[in-house]
Amino acid sequence: MNTVSGIIAIVVLVLVVVALIDAASRPAWAWERAGQNKTLWIVLLVVGIPCPLIGLVAAVVYASSIRPRVVAAQGSAPPPY
């Protein structure tokens, strides 16, 4: 593996791990309100750790489409307990 591909692999790994940490840190109720499946996205991101192409696609889709919905849902009032 040459230097450029090694750097790209590290960048993709960092993106996937950051997306994974962000997804895991969001409360389940926010995911439900956004109409998304928290477990599915965490599994996709975990699978993306050893598979850079899957990881890159999952991290980009999460960051551009899923995360904004979950963050917006989280910004509303939490459910009553």
C-alpha atoms as a PDB file:
ATOM      1  CA  MET A   1       0.000   0.000   0.000  1.00  0.00           C
ATOM      2  CA  ASN A   2       1.438   3.344  -0.975  1.00  0.00           C
ATOM      3  CA  THR A   3       1.317   6.484   1.117  1.00  0.00           C
ATOM      4  CA  VAL A   4      -1.661   8.093  -0.629  1.00  0.00           C
ATOM      5  CA  SER A   5      -3.904   5.050  -0.320  1.00  0.00           C
ATOM      6  CA  GLY A   6      -2.844   4.662   3.312  1.00  0.00           C
ATOM      7  CA  ILE A   7      -3.807   8.253   4.057  1.00  0.00           C
ATOM      8  CA  ILE A   8      -7.146   7.791   2.288  1.00  0.00           C
ATOM      9  CA  ALA A   9      -7.816   4.625   4.303  1.00  0.00           C
ATOM     10  CA  ILE A  10      -7.065   6.456   7.552  1.00  0.00           C
ATOM     11  CA  VAL A  11      -9.325   9.386   6.604  1.00  0.00           C
ATOM     12  CA  VAL A  12     -12.182   7.017   5.744  1.00  0.00           C
ATOM     13  CA  LEU A  13     -11.672   5.138   9.013  1.00  0.00           C
ATOM     14  CA  VAL A  14     -11.789   8.390  10.988  1.00  0.00           C
ATOM     15  CA  LEU A  15     -14.973   9.489   9.183  1.00  0.00           C
ATOM     16  CA  VAL A  16     -16.662   6.165   9.920  1.00  0.00           C
ATOM     17  CA  VAL A  17     -15.640   6.169  13.581  1.00  0.00           C
ATOM     18  CA  VAL A  18     -16.804   9.774  14.069  1.00  0.00           C
ATOM     19  CA  ALA A  19     -20.161   8.951  12.429  1.00  0.00           C
ATOM     20  CA  LEU A  20     -20.444   5.826  14.582  1.00  0.00           C
ATOM     21  CA  ILE A  21     -19.785   7.751  17.796  1.00  0.00           C
ATOM     22  CA  ASP A  22     -22.279  10.436  16.768  1.00  0.00           C
ATOM     23  CA  ALA A  23     -24.969   7.879  15.890  1.00  0.00           C
ATOM     24  CA  ALA A  24     -24.474   5.967  19.126  1.00  0.00           C
ATOM     25  CA  SER A  25     -24.636   9.137  21.215  1.00  0.00           C
ATOM     26  CA  ARG A  26     -28.091  10.164  19.948  1.00  0.00           C
ATOM     27  CA  PRO A  27     -31.005   9.030  22.148  1.00  0.00           C
ATOM     28  CA  ALA A  28     -33.270   6.262  20.872  1.00  0.00           C
ATOM     29  CA  TRP A  29     -36.353   8.475  21.127  1.00  0.00           C
ATOM     30  CA  ALA A  30     -34.828  10.993  18.685  1.00  0.00           C
ATOM     31  CA  TRP A  31     -34.199   8.198  16.182  1.00  0.00           C
ATOM     32  CA  GLU A  32     -37.797   7.025  16.557  1.00  0.00           C
ATOM     33  CA  ARG A  33     -39.171  10.533  16.073  1.00  0.00           C
ATOM     34  CA  ALA A  34     -37.019  10.927  12.951  1.00  0.00           C
ATOM     35  CA  GLY A  35     -38.404   7.666  11.590  1.00  0.00           C
ATOM     36  CA  GLN A  36     -34.949   6.078  11.455  1.00  0.00           C
ATOM     37  CA  ASN A  37     -33.498   2.851  12.821  1.00  0.00           C
ATOM     38  CA  LYS A  38     -30.590   3.448  15.200  1.00  0.00           C
ATOM     39  CA  THR A  39     -29.502  -0.202  15.250  1.00  0.00           C
ATOM     40  CA  LEU A  40     -29.392  -0.401  11.450  1.00  0.00           C
ATOM     41  CA  TRP A  41     -27.157   2.639  11.123  1.00  0.00           C
ATOM     42  CA  ILE A  42     -24.826   1.550  13.895  1.00  0.00           C
ATOM     43  CA  VAL A  43     -24.463  -1.886  12.254  1.00  0.00           C
ATOM     44  CA  LEU A  44     -23.831  -0.306   8.836  1.00  0.00           C
ATOM     45  CA  LEU A  45     -21.140   1.924  10.285  1.00  0.00           C
ATOM     46  CA  VAL A  46     -19.514  -0.944  12.222  1.00  0.00           C
ATOM     47  CA  VAL A  47     -19.447  -3.062   9.052  1.00  0.00           C
ATOM     48  CA  GLY A  48     -17.822  -0.084   7.351  1.00  0.00           C
ATOM     49  CA  ILE A  49     -14.801  -0.181   9.644  1.00  0.00           C
ATOM     50  CA  PRO A  50     -13.129  -3.162   7.915  1.00  0.00           C
ATOM     51  CA  CYS A  51     -14.775  -2.410   4.526  1.00  0.00           C
ATOM     52  CA  PRO A  52     -13.734   1.137   3.548  1.00  0.00           C
ATOM     53  CA  LEU A  53     -16.095   1.480   0.583  1.00  0.00           C
ATOM     54  CA  ILE A  54     -19.150   0.488   2.639  1.00  0.00           C
ATOM     55  CA  GLY A  55     -17.916   2.682   5.469  1.00  0.00           C
ATOM     56  CA  LEU A  56     -17.438   5.717   3.259  1.00  0.00           C
ATOM     57  CA  VAL A  57     -20.884   5.388   1.689  1.00  0.00           C
ATOM     58  CA  ALA A  58     -22.566   4.775   5.064  1.00  0.00           C
ATOM     59  CA  ALA A  59     -20.766   7.716   6.717  1.00  0.00           C
ATOM     60  CA  VAL A  60     -21.606  10.118   3.883  1.00  0.00           C
ATOM     61  CA  VAL A  61     -25.280   9.079   3.785  1.00  0.00           C
ATOM     62  CA  TYR A  62     -25.494   9.267   7.578  1.00  0.00           C
ATOM     63  CA  ALA A  63     -23.888  12.715   7.723  1.00  0.00           C
ATOM     64  CA  SER A  64     -25.835  14.206   4.839  1.00  0.00           C
ATOM     65  CA  SER A  65     -29.279  12.675   5.247  1.00  0.00           C
ATOM     66  CA  ILE A  66     -29.870  10.756   8.471  1.00  0.00           C
ATOM     67  CA  ARG A  67     -28.012  12.843  11.061  1.00  0.00           C
ATOM     68  CA  PRO A  68     -29.846  16.110  10.228  1.00  0.00           C
ATOM     69  CA  ARG A  69     -33.205  14.378  10.737  1.00  0.00           C
ATOM     70  CA  VAL A  70     -32.170  12.860  14.050  1.00  0.00           C
ATOM     71  CA  VAL A  71     -30.651  16.135  15.269  1.00  0.00           C
ATOM     72  CA  ALA A  72     -33.850  18.007  14.353  1.00  0.00           C
ATOM     73  CA  ALA A  73     -35.932  15.425  16.198  1.00  0.00           C
ATOM     74  CA  GLN A  74     -33.610  15.636  19.188  1.00  0.00           C
ATOM     75  CA  GLY A  75     -34.026  19.424  19.235  1.00  0.00           C
ATOM     76  CA  SER A  76     -37.701  19.043  20.062  1.00  0.00           C
ATOM     77  CA  ALA A  77     -38.843  18.286  23.574  1.00  0.00           C
ATOM     78  CA  PRO A  78     -37.990  14.804  24.864  1.00  0.00           C
ATOM     79  CA  PRO A  79     -40.861  12.433  25.456  1.00  0.00           C
ATOM     80  CA  PRO A  80     -42.499  12.545  28.885  1.00  0.00           C
ATOM     81  CA  TYR A  81     -41.458   9.768  31.212  1.00  0.00           C
END
